[in-house]
Protein backbone atom coordinates (compact mmCIF):
# COMPACT_ATOMS: atom_id res chain seq x y z
CA MET A 1 -12.37 168.13 -69.27
CA GLU A 2 -8.98 166.54 -68.57
CA LYS A 3 -9.47 167.12 -64.87
CA ARG A 4 -12.85 165.41 -64.86
CA TYR A 5 -11.31 162.42 -66.66
CA PHE A 6 -8.55 162.01 -64.13
CA ASP A 7 -11.01 162.57 -61.33
CA CYS A 8 -12.93 159.59 -62.67
CA VAL A 9 -9.89 157.35 -62.85
CA ASP A 10 -8.54 158.37 -59.49
CA GLY A 11 -11.88 158.51 -57.72
CA LYS A 12 -13.47 155.89 -55.50
CA GLY A 13 -14.45 152.75 -57.43
CA SER A 14 -12.88 153.96 -60.65
CA TRP A 15 -10.52 151.02 -61.01
CA ALA A 16 -13.39 148.58 -60.61
CA PHE A 17 -15.17 150.39 -63.43
CA VAL A 18 -12.11 150.16 -65.70
CA PHE A 19 -11.71 146.47 -64.89
CA LEU A 20 -15.37 145.83 -65.79
CA ILE A 21 -14.90 147.53 -69.16
CA PHE A 22 -11.83 145.35 -69.74
CA LEU A 23 -13.80 142.17 -69.00
CA ILE A 24 -16.62 143.16 -71.36
CA SER A 25 -14.17 143.93 -74.16
CA CYS A 26 -12.50 140.51 -73.78
CA THR A 27 -15.71 138.46 -73.58
CA LYS A 28 -17.05 136.85 -76.74
CA PRO A 29 -20.74 137.40 -77.49
CA GLU A 30 -22.81 134.45 -76.35
CA GLU A 31 -23.13 131.92 -79.15
CA LYS A 32 -26.65 131.11 -80.24
CA PRO A 33 -27.68 127.49 -79.72
CA LEU A 34 -27.72 125.48 -82.93
CA ASN A 35 -31.06 124.68 -84.56
CA ILE A 36 -31.46 121.48 -86.60
CA ILE A 37 -33.69 120.89 -89.64
CA LEU A 38 -33.46 117.38 -91.05
CA ILE A 39 -35.29 117.12 -94.39
CA HIS A 40 -35.96 113.45 -95.16
CA VAL A 41 -37.63 113.25 -98.58
CA ASP A 42 -39.67 110.22 -99.62
CA ASP A 43 -38.49 108.22 -102.69
CA LEU A 44 -36.22 110.95 -104.08
CA GLY A 45 -33.74 109.30 -106.43
CA TRP A 46 -30.00 109.95 -106.47
CA ALA A 47 -30.16 112.00 -109.69
CA ASP A 48 -33.57 113.62 -109.16
CA ILE A 49 -32.08 117.04 -108.44
CA GLN A 50 -29.76 119.14 -110.57
CA PRO A 51 -26.72 119.05 -108.25
CA PHE A 52 -26.59 115.28 -108.85
CA GLY A 53 -27.14 115.40 -112.60
CA SER A 54 -30.85 115.59 -113.38
CA ASP A 55 -31.33 116.33 -117.07
CA PHE A 56 -34.98 117.40 -116.76
CA TYR A 57 -36.08 118.51 -113.27
CA GLU A 58 -35.38 122.11 -112.25
CA THR A 59 -34.20 122.58 -108.67
CA PRO A 60 -32.63 126.07 -108.34
CA ASN A 61 -32.99 126.23 -104.56
CA LEU A 62 -31.29 122.90 -104.01
CA ASN A 63 -28.58 124.12 -106.39
CA ARG A 64 -28.13 127.07 -104.05
CA LEU A 65 -28.15 124.83 -100.98
CA ALA A 66 -25.43 122.71 -102.61
CA GLN A 67 -23.37 125.81 -103.39
CA GLU A 68 -23.71 126.93 -99.78
CA GLY A 69 -22.92 123.49 -98.38
CA THR A 70 -21.39 120.08 -98.99
CA LEU A 71 -22.53 117.20 -101.19
CA PHE A 72 -22.09 113.53 -100.33
CA THR A 73 -21.66 111.52 -103.53
CA ASN A 74 -21.70 108.10 -101.81
CA SER A 75 -24.62 108.60 -99.47
CA TYR A 76 -26.73 105.54 -98.71
CA ALA A 77 -30.16 104.95 -97.27
CA ALA A 78 -30.29 102.21 -94.64
CA ALA A 79 -32.70 100.28 -96.86
CA ALA A 80 -34.10 100.33 -100.37
CA ILE A 81 -37.57 101.01 -98.96
CA CYS A 82 -39.06 103.52 -96.54
CA SER A 83 -40.03 102.18 -93.08
CA PRO A 84 -36.65 100.52 -92.34
CA THR A 85 -34.74 103.65 -93.29
CA ARG A 86 -37.01 105.85 -91.21
CA ALA A 87 -36.55 103.61 -88.19
CA ALA A 88 -32.78 103.69 -88.69
CA LEU A 89 -32.78 107.49 -89.01
CA LEU A 90 -34.64 107.99 -85.74
CA THR A 91 -32.74 105.41 -83.66
CA GLY A 92 -29.26 105.28 -85.19
CA LYS A 93 -29.55 101.48 -85.49
CA TYR A 94 -29.52 99.12 -88.44
CA PRO A 95 -33.00 98.01 -89.54
CA ALA A 96 -31.93 94.39 -89.08
CA ARG A 97 -31.30 95.00 -85.38
CA LEU A 98 -34.72 96.64 -85.02
CA GLY A 99 -36.52 93.86 -86.90
CA ILE A 100 -38.02 96.45 -89.27
CA THR A 101 -36.72 95.23 -92.62
CA ASP A 102 -39.78 95.77 -94.81
CA TRP A 103 -42.31 98.57 -95.14
CA ILE A 104 -44.99 98.56 -92.45
CA ARG A 105 -48.50 98.11 -93.80
CA ALA A 106 -51.00 100.79 -92.85
CA LYS A 107 -54.27 100.00 -91.11
CA PHE A 108 -56.38 101.14 -94.08
CA GLN A 109 -54.79 98.45 -96.27
CA GLY A 110 -56.48 95.74 -94.27
CA TYR A 111 -53.53 93.34 -94.01
CA SER A 112 -50.25 93.10 -92.18
CA THR A 113 -46.84 91.49 -92.58
CA SER A 114 -46.01 92.13 -88.94
CA GLY A 115 -45.48 89.46 -86.36
CA GLU A 116 -43.38 88.13 -83.52
CA LEU A 117 -39.86 86.83 -83.89
CA GLY A 118 -40.09 83.32 -85.33
CA GLU A 119 -43.27 83.92 -87.36
CA TYR A 120 -43.03 83.53 -91.12
CA GLU A 121 -44.86 84.16 -94.37
CA GLU A 122 -45.12 81.65 -97.19
CA PHE A 123 -45.48 82.31 -100.92
CA GLU A 124 -46.77 79.83 -103.46
CA GLY A 125 -44.04 78.71 -105.83
CA ARG A 126 -41.26 80.19 -103.71
CA PRO A 127 -38.73 77.99 -101.87
CA LEU A 128 -38.33 80.23 -98.81
CA LYS A 129 -40.37 81.22 -95.80
CA THR A 130 -39.68 84.86 -95.01
CA PRO A 131 -39.73 86.39 -91.52
CA LYS A 132 -42.50 88.68 -90.39
CA ILE A 133 -41.34 92.11 -89.31
CA GLN A 134 -41.62 94.26 -86.21
CA GLY A 135 -44.66 96.31 -87.20
CA TYR A 136 -43.89 99.48 -85.26
CA LEU A 137 -40.98 101.39 -83.79
CA PRO A 138 -40.86 100.19 -80.16
CA LEU A 139 -41.32 102.89 -77.55
CA GLU A 140 -38.28 101.52 -75.72
CA GLU A 141 -36.05 102.76 -78.53
CA GLU A 142 -34.58 106.21 -77.83
CA THR A 143 -35.19 108.46 -80.82
CA ILE A 144 -33.18 111.49 -81.87
CA ALA A 145 -36.11 113.64 -80.70
CA GLU A 146 -35.98 112.11 -77.22
CA ARG A 147 -32.22 112.56 -77.05
CA ILE A 148 -32.22 116.19 -78.11
CA LYS A 149 -35.17 117.17 -75.92
CA LYS A 150 -32.89 116.52 -72.95
CA LEU A 151 -30.86 119.51 -74.13
CA GLY A 152 -33.88 121.80 -74.06
CA TYR A 153 -34.88 121.56 -77.72
CA GLN A 154 -38.44 121.92 -78.97
CA THR A 155 -39.23 119.21 -81.48
CA LEU A 156 -41.46 118.94 -84.54
CA HIS A 157 -42.26 116.01 -86.79
CA LEU A 158 -43.82 117.14 -90.05
CA GLY A 159 -45.01 114.84 -92.82
CA LYS A 160 -44.65 111.10 -93.29
CA TRP A 161 -44.02 108.77 -90.32
CA HIS A 162 -44.97 105.22 -91.39
CA LEU A 163 -43.69 103.52 -88.23
CA GLY A 164 -46.79 102.08 -86.62
CA GLU A 165 -50.40 102.66 -85.70
CA GLU A 166 -51.92 104.77 -82.91
CA GLY A 167 -49.74 104.69 -79.82
CA PHE A 168 -46.54 104.64 -81.86
CA HIS A 169 -46.86 108.01 -83.57
CA PRO A 170 -44.34 110.90 -83.35
CA GLU A 171 -45.90 112.37 -80.21
CA ASN A 172 -45.22 109.02 -78.51
CA GLN A 173 -41.58 109.10 -79.63
CA GLY A 174 -40.29 112.45 -78.35
CA PHE A 175 -41.87 115.02 -80.67
CA ASP A 176 -43.68 117.94 -79.08
CA VAL A 177 -45.71 118.56 -82.23
CA ASN A 178 -46.81 116.07 -84.89
CA ILE A 179 -48.29 117.36 -88.13
CA GLY A 180 -49.19 114.71 -90.67
CA GLY A 181 -47.50 111.68 -89.18
CA ASN A 182 -49.25 108.36 -88.62
CA ASP A 183 -49.15 104.89 -90.21
CA LEU A 184 -49.65 106.09 -93.81
CA GLY A 185 -46.90 105.49 -96.33
CA GLN A 186 -48.30 107.96 -98.86
CA PRO A 187 -50.82 110.80 -98.96
CA PRO A 188 -54.36 110.04 -100.11
CA SER A 189 -53.99 113.11 -102.37
CA TYR A 190 -51.60 116.04 -102.72
CA PHE A 191 -54.49 118.49 -103.00
CA ASP A 192 -56.53 119.89 -100.11
CA PRO A 193 -58.75 118.37 -98.65
CA TYR A 194 -56.18 115.53 -99.05
CA GLN A 195 -58.72 112.79 -99.65
CA ALA A 196 -58.46 109.77 -101.92
CA ALA A 197 -60.74 109.51 -104.95
CA GLN A 198 -62.32 106.55 -103.18
CA PRO A 199 -62.40 107.47 -99.46
CA ARG A 200 -61.46 104.63 -97.11
CA GLU A 201 -61.52 104.23 -93.35
CA TYR A 202 -58.22 105.11 -91.60
CA TYR A 203 -56.92 106.71 -94.81
CA GLU A 204 -56.16 110.28 -93.75
CA MET A 205 -53.10 112.14 -92.52
CA LYS A 206 -52.96 113.18 -88.87
CA ASN A 207 -53.42 116.82 -87.76
CA LEU A 208 -53.72 118.12 -91.32
CA PRO A 209 -57.34 119.27 -91.59
CA PRO A 210 -58.50 120.94 -94.80
CA ARG A 211 -57.52 124.60 -94.99
CA LYS A 212 -57.84 125.88 -98.55
CA LYS A 213 -59.36 123.75 -101.26
CA GLY A 214 -56.84 122.80 -103.91
CA GLU A 215 -53.79 123.84 -101.85
CA PHE A 216 -50.80 121.62 -102.60
CA LEU A 217 -49.60 119.42 -99.73
CA THR A 218 -45.89 120.38 -99.78
CA ASP A 219 -46.89 124.08 -99.78
CA ARG A 220 -48.96 123.39 -96.67
CA GLU A 221 -46.11 121.49 -95.01
CA SER A 222 -43.64 124.36 -95.43
CA ASP A 223 -46.21 126.81 -94.03
CA GLU A 224 -46.67 124.61 -90.97
CA LEU A 225 -42.90 124.39 -90.52
CA ILE A 226 -42.42 128.15 -90.65
CA HIS A 227 -45.34 128.65 -88.25
CA PHE A 228 -43.67 126.24 -85.80
CA ILE A 229 -40.38 128.17 -85.94
CA GLU A 230 -42.01 131.57 -85.43
CA ASN A 231 -41.55 133.00 -81.93
CA LYS A 232 -39.60 129.96 -80.69
CA GLU A 233 -37.58 130.99 -77.65
CA LYS A 234 -35.79 127.65 -77.39
CA PRO A 235 -33.63 125.97 -80.04
CA PHE A 236 -35.60 123.65 -82.28
CA PHE A 237 -35.18 120.27 -83.92
CA VAL A 238 -37.36 119.63 -86.97
CA HIS A 239 -37.78 116.31 -88.73
CA TRP A 240 -39.44 117.38 -91.98
CA ALA A 241 -40.36 114.22 -93.88
CA PRO A 242 -42.22 115.48 -96.96
CA TYR A 243 -44.75 113.07 -98.39
CA ALA A 244 -43.32 114.18 -101.71
CA VAL A 245 -42.16 112.66 -103.97
CA HIS A 246 -44.01 109.39 -103.26
CA THR A 247 -46.99 108.16 -105.27
CA PRO A 248 -49.68 109.18 -106.10
CA ILE A 249 -47.65 111.18 -108.61
CA MET A 250 -49.29 114.63 -108.78
CA GLY A 251 -48.04 118.16 -109.29
CA PRO A 252 -49.34 121.72 -109.33
CA PRO A 253 -51.14 122.14 -112.69
CA ASP A 254 -49.03 125.12 -113.83
CA LEU A 255 -45.82 123.18 -113.29
CA VAL A 256 -47.20 120.07 -114.98
CA SER A 257 -48.05 122.19 -118.03
CA LYS A 258 -44.55 123.66 -118.00
CA TYR A 259 -42.93 120.22 -118.15
CA GLU A 260 -45.37 118.91 -120.72
CA GLU A 261 -44.04 121.60 -123.05
CA LYS A 262 -40.40 121.20 -122.10
CA GLU A 263 -38.05 119.14 -124.27
CA LYS A 264 -37.71 115.80 -122.57
CA GLY A 265 -34.58 113.81 -121.81
CA VAL A 266 -34.18 110.41 -120.18
CA GLN A 267 -36.16 111.69 -117.22
CA ARG A 268 -39.44 112.79 -118.78
CA ASN A 269 -42.46 112.43 -116.47
CA PRO A 270 -44.16 115.89 -116.29
CA GLU A 271 -46.15 115.15 -113.12
CA TYR A 272 -43.11 113.88 -111.28
CA ALA A 273 -41.01 116.81 -112.49
CA ALA A 274 -43.66 119.20 -111.14
CA LEU A 275 -43.66 117.35 -107.81
CA VAL A 276 -39.87 117.69 -107.57
CA GLU A 277 -39.82 121.38 -108.52
CA ASN A 278 -42.57 122.17 -106.02
CA LEU A 279 -40.52 120.45 -103.31
CA ASP A 280 -37.54 122.57 -104.35
CA PHE A 281 -39.67 125.74 -104.20
CA ASN A 282 -40.69 125.00 -100.63
CA ILE A 283 -37.15 124.32 -99.51
CA GLY A 284 -36.30 127.69 -101.02
CA LYS A 285 -39.16 129.26 -99.06
CA LEU A 286 -37.75 127.79 -95.86
CA MET A 287 -34.22 129.03 -96.64
CA GLU A 288 -35.48 132.56 -97.34
CA TYR A 289 -37.40 132.61 -94.06
CA LEU A 290 -34.32 131.50 -92.12
CA ASN A 291 -32.28 134.22 -93.82
CA GLU A 292 -34.86 136.93 -93.12
CA LYS A 293 -35.08 136.01 -89.42
CA GLY A 294 -31.34 135.75 -88.92
CA LEU A 295 -31.55 132.01 -88.25
CA ARG A 296 -29.63 130.67 -91.23
CA GLU A 297 -26.19 131.08 -89.64
CA ASN A 298 -27.08 128.90 -86.66
CA THR A 299 -29.27 126.29 -88.35
CA LEU A 300 -27.81 122.98 -89.49
CA LEU A 301 -29.70 121.85 -92.62
CA ILE A 302 -29.51 118.20 -93.65
CA PHE A 303 -31.22 117.16 -96.89
CA THR A 304 -31.48 113.48 -97.82
CA SER A 305 -33.85 110.71 -98.97
CA ASP A 306 -35.16 107.42 -97.58
CA ASN A 307 -34.37 105.25 -100.62
CA GLY A 308 -33.65 105.38 -104.32
CA GLY A 309 -36.06 106.61 -106.95
CA LEU A 310 -39.06 104.63 -108.17
CA ILE A 311 -39.03 103.79 -111.87
CA GLY A 312 -42.25 101.80 -111.97
CA ASN A 313 -43.63 101.21 -115.44
CA PRO A 314 -40.64 101.46 -117.84
CA ASP A 315 -42.97 102.63 -120.62
CA LYS A 316 -43.85 105.69 -118.51
CA PRO A 317 -41.24 105.77 -115.76
CA VAL A 318 -41.81 107.82 -112.65
CA THR A 319 -38.10 108.70 -112.73
CA VAL A 320 -34.76 107.31 -113.92
CA ASN A 321 -31.77 106.96 -111.60
CA LEU A 322 -29.19 108.34 -113.99
CA GLY A 323 -25.86 106.52 -113.89
CA LEU A 324 -27.09 103.84 -111.50
CA ARG A 325 -28.69 100.45 -111.93
CA SER A 326 -32.31 99.73 -111.01
CA GLN A 327 -34.63 101.40 -108.50
CA LYS A 328 -36.39 101.50 -105.16
CA GLY A 329 -36.71 98.09 -103.54
CA PHE A 330 -33.74 96.51 -105.30
CA PRO A 331 -30.24 95.86 -103.91
CA TYR A 332 -28.49 97.84 -106.66
CA GLU A 333 -27.19 101.38 -106.29
CA GLY A 334 -30.36 102.82 -107.81
CA GLY A 335 -32.27 101.43 -104.83
CA ILE A 336 -30.03 102.52 -101.99
CA ARG A 337 -27.88 105.50 -103.07
CA VAL A 338 -29.52 108.86 -102.31
CA PRO A 339 -28.84 112.59 -102.78
CA THR A 340 -27.51 114.28 -99.65
CA ILE A 341 -26.59 117.92 -98.96
CA VAL A 342 -25.52 119.41 -95.62
CA SER A 343 -25.19 123.12 -94.91
CA LEU A 344 -24.17 125.28 -91.97
CA PRO A 345 -22.78 128.66 -93.10
CA GLY A 346 -19.39 129.54 -91.67
CA ILE A 347 -18.81 126.04 -90.30
CA ILE A 348 -19.32 123.62 -93.20
CA PRO A 349 -17.35 124.47 -96.37
CA GLN A 350 -19.28 125.68 -99.39
CA GLY A 351 -19.33 123.88 -102.74
CA LYS A 352 -17.46 120.84 -101.45
CA GLU A 353 -18.00 117.20 -102.47
CA ILE A 354 -17.23 114.26 -100.18
CA GLU A 355 -16.79 110.77 -101.62
CA ALA A 356 -16.60 108.85 -98.34
CA PRO A 357 -19.50 106.36 -98.07
CA ILE A 358 -22.04 107.35 -95.41
CA ILE A 359 -25.35 105.84 -94.30
CA THR A 360 -28.60 106.87 -92.59
CA MET A 361 -27.51 105.85 -89.07
CA ASP A 362 -24.75 108.49 -89.16
CA TRP A 363 -27.14 111.40 -88.65
CA ILE A 364 -27.85 110.91 -84.93
CA PRO A 365 -24.19 110.93 -83.81
CA THR A 366 -23.53 113.80 -86.25
CA ILE A 367 -26.34 115.95 -84.85
CA LEU A 368 -25.42 115.15 -81.27
CA GLU A 369 -21.79 116.18 -81.80
CA PHE A 370 -22.83 119.40 -83.54
CA VAL A 371 -24.92 120.38 -80.50
CA GLY A 372 -22.03 119.57 -78.17
CA LEU A 373 -23.00 116.09 -77.01
CA LYS A 374 -20.57 113.55 -78.41
CA SER A 375 -22.44 110.33 -77.80
CA SER A 376 -20.77 107.40 -76.10
CA ASP A 377 -23.80 105.20 -76.69
CA SER A 378 -22.38 101.95 -78.04
CA GLU A 379 -25.78 101.04 -79.44
CA LEU A 380 -25.55 103.78 -82.07
CA GLU A 381 -24.30 102.09 -85.23
CA GLY A 382 -23.49 105.19 -87.24
CA LYS A 383 -20.49 107.50 -87.03
CA SER A 384 -20.43 111.25 -86.49
CA LEU A 385 -19.70 113.13 -89.70
CA LYS A 386 -18.93 116.45 -88.00
CA GLY A 387 -15.16 116.16 -88.42
CA LEU A 388 -15.58 115.09 -92.04
CA LEU A 389 -17.98 117.96 -92.75
CA THR A 390 -15.81 120.61 -91.13
CA GLY A 391 -12.59 119.29 -92.66
CA LYS A 392 -11.05 118.53 -89.28
CA ALA A 393 -11.02 114.73 -89.50
CA GLU A 394 -11.30 111.85 -91.93
CA LEU A 395 -13.89 109.11 -91.62
CA ALA A 396 -12.30 105.76 -90.88
CA GLU A 397 -13.07 103.13 -93.50
CA ARG A 398 -15.80 100.74 -92.43
CA ASP A 399 -18.13 98.14 -93.87
CA LEU A 400 -21.79 98.99 -94.56
CA PHE A 401 -24.63 96.45 -94.55
CA TRP A 402 -28.22 96.00 -95.74
CA HIS A 403 -30.71 93.21 -95.04
CA PHE A 404 -33.98 92.52 -96.87
CA PRO A 405 -35.11 88.94 -96.09
CA HIS A 406 -38.39 89.28 -98.00
CA TYR A 407 -39.96 88.72 -101.39
CA ARG A 408 -41.23 91.88 -103.04
CA GLU A 409 -44.08 91.06 -105.38
CA THR A 410 -42.59 88.64 -107.94
CA ILE A 411 -39.37 90.42 -108.79
CA VAL A 412 -37.23 90.90 -105.67
CA ILE A 413 -35.59 87.88 -104.03
CA PRO A 414 -34.57 88.03 -100.33
CA TYR A 415 -31.08 89.50 -100.10
CA SER A 416 -28.38 90.98 -97.90
CA ILE A 417 -25.58 93.33 -98.98
CA ILE A 418 -22.15 94.36 -97.78
CA ARG A 419 -20.12 97.26 -99.13
CA SER A 420 -16.46 96.98 -98.09
CA GLY A 421 -14.18 99.60 -99.60
CA ASP A 422 -14.99 99.66 -103.30
CA TRP A 423 -16.37 96.12 -103.26
CA LYS A 424 -20.06 95.28 -103.01
CA LEU A 425 -21.43 91.78 -102.50
CA ILE A 426 -25.13 91.04 -102.99
CA HIS A 427 -26.05 87.75 -101.35
CA TYR A 428 -29.36 86.24 -102.40
CA TYR A 429 -31.03 83.62 -100.22
CA GLU A 430 -32.11 81.56 -103.20
CA PRO A 431 -28.86 79.78 -104.15
CA GLY A 432 -26.65 80.42 -107.14
CA MET A 433 -27.51 84.10 -107.65
CA ASP A 434 -24.84 86.06 -105.73
CA GLU A 435 -23.21 89.10 -107.34
CA LEU A 436 -19.96 90.99 -106.72
CA TYR A 437 -19.12 94.44 -108.09
CA ASN A 438 -16.24 96.88 -107.89
CA LEU A 439 -17.98 100.23 -107.56
CA ALA A 440 -14.84 102.25 -108.21
CA ASN A 441 -14.95 101.41 -111.90
CA ASP A 442 -18.43 99.90 -112.27
CA ARG A 443 -20.94 102.15 -110.51
CA GLU A 444 -23.70 100.88 -112.82
CA GLU A 445 -23.06 97.28 -111.68
CA LYS A 446 -22.78 95.81 -115.15
CA ASN A 447 -19.87 93.43 -114.58
CA ASN A 448 -20.55 90.67 -112.03
CA LEU A 449 -17.14 89.50 -110.73
CA PHE A 450 -18.44 86.85 -108.34
CA ASN A 451 -16.87 83.94 -110.22
CA GLU A 452 -13.70 85.84 -111.13
CA GLU A 453 -12.91 86.99 -107.57
CA PRO A 454 -13.84 84.08 -105.26
CA ALA A 455 -11.41 85.08 -102.49
CA ILE A 456 -12.93 88.57 -102.21
CA ALA A 457 -16.45 87.16 -102.39
CA ASN A 458 -15.69 84.66 -99.60
CA GLU A 459 -14.11 87.34 -97.41
CA LEU A 460 -17.13 89.62 -97.79
CA GLN A 461 -19.56 86.77 -97.21
CA ALA A 462 -17.81 85.91 -93.94
CA LYS A 463 -18.09 89.53 -92.78
CA LEU A 464 -21.76 89.62 -93.77
CA ASP A 465 -22.50 86.34 -91.96
CA GLN A 466 -20.92 87.67 -88.77
CA TRP A 467 -22.85 90.94 -88.99
CA LEU A 468 -26.13 89.05 -89.37
CA ILE A 469 -25.30 87.13 -86.21
CA ASP A 470 -24.26 90.28 -84.34
CA THR A 471 -27.51 92.08 -85.18
CA ASP A 472 -29.69 89.03 -84.48
CA ALA A 473 -31.23 89.54 -87.90
CA ARG A 474 -34.46 87.78 -88.79
CA MET A 475 -33.62 85.31 -91.54
CA PRO A 476 -35.52 83.51 -94.30
CA ILE A 477 -35.56 79.71 -94.14
CA ARG A 478 -36.26 76.96 -96.66
CA LYS A 479 -39.77 75.53 -96.50
CA VAL A 480 -38.44 72.06 -95.79
CA ASP A 481 -36.64 73.40 -92.67
CA GLU A 482 -38.13 74.00 -89.27
CA PRO A 483 -37.96 77.51 -87.77
């Protein structure tokens, strides 16, 4: 036995064999390419899940995701409404630069607020003309899907799109597969066959034909997502934009019954609670699938929302943004602050909270750096959060901006916002209404310091004015003025 061993070592080619074994032993196993799932929920308020303080909705799977990942406690949507934030998410640019500063009307609604630069709307009894918006995401803009496809990724858009009519849908913007995405801002119904009580032309989701009568929409979405992932040989990028939890407020009947019987707190809408818990269930279903298939360890999960929660009728609120002022559409924290959780086991710390303010445009540079492509594109207006998430770098302090130069029904006045450090200035375009808050000790925005801190207000206004110039923002004008 000993002789045979030494014969092997001393024989012809034996040293080459030993050297090969040495190389194999010193070589690391090939790392799997990173998959990306970006879950961009519709209208989910900052405190609509338990990790952020919900006193009524049950979200055990998002609790688990938070325990396995990192929470951002100062996470902002790029706008207080959907289409601008969605455009910002996909392009990495401020909505003001894109000209998409209001929600884009769908074809079935029969009217539009879209127009060319320099076109305005007028409202009776209002002193301002407000600019018409870019009514679609231009094909010239490079989306995250188009960027990541260059690296060999297969791409899926699933759910709400709301960024233009035919010709500007996800399949025109870098997504290999589009399930559900067109110009609709909400589902006709959450129950298969997904039709409105009063059917209307152009009012149906794309590539979501009826499958099983009564099936709930978010259940169907998660099934489609898992089906897409199955047997994928290439890494994948998924933009899952659930139609939940937007109106029409509906929930699976068994969950609605559960919440009707549950003791109610400040948040108390049973249908909305059922809609939230069903969303949570389907995120749990996705997480279990990833675990079972050995994909969880190399899948970056980002969970966030497109704007703050909708309160609606205060006598029967859809939700309540606990600890924050106001709601969707408004310039207060309840309109723009959103729940955000990021998880990548073994890379991103578990159970951590990050207070640094972040915003929607940060996700493109973050994703690109995670997949090994640190972008040098100066047009991207967000910052990569990879170093912040992994604990290897701090995020430099910066100013954040919002621009909504429109009237919203009769209650929202055209405004722009700057957050600089702990200070937040809300500038209204009707004079004499500006507000200044210190968010460090007044997160609920109860104490307007505009008159008490004129130097800070002037400094922030100057920064805001310059940003509006730099982004070529469309601006409201007084009716007596010429465009």
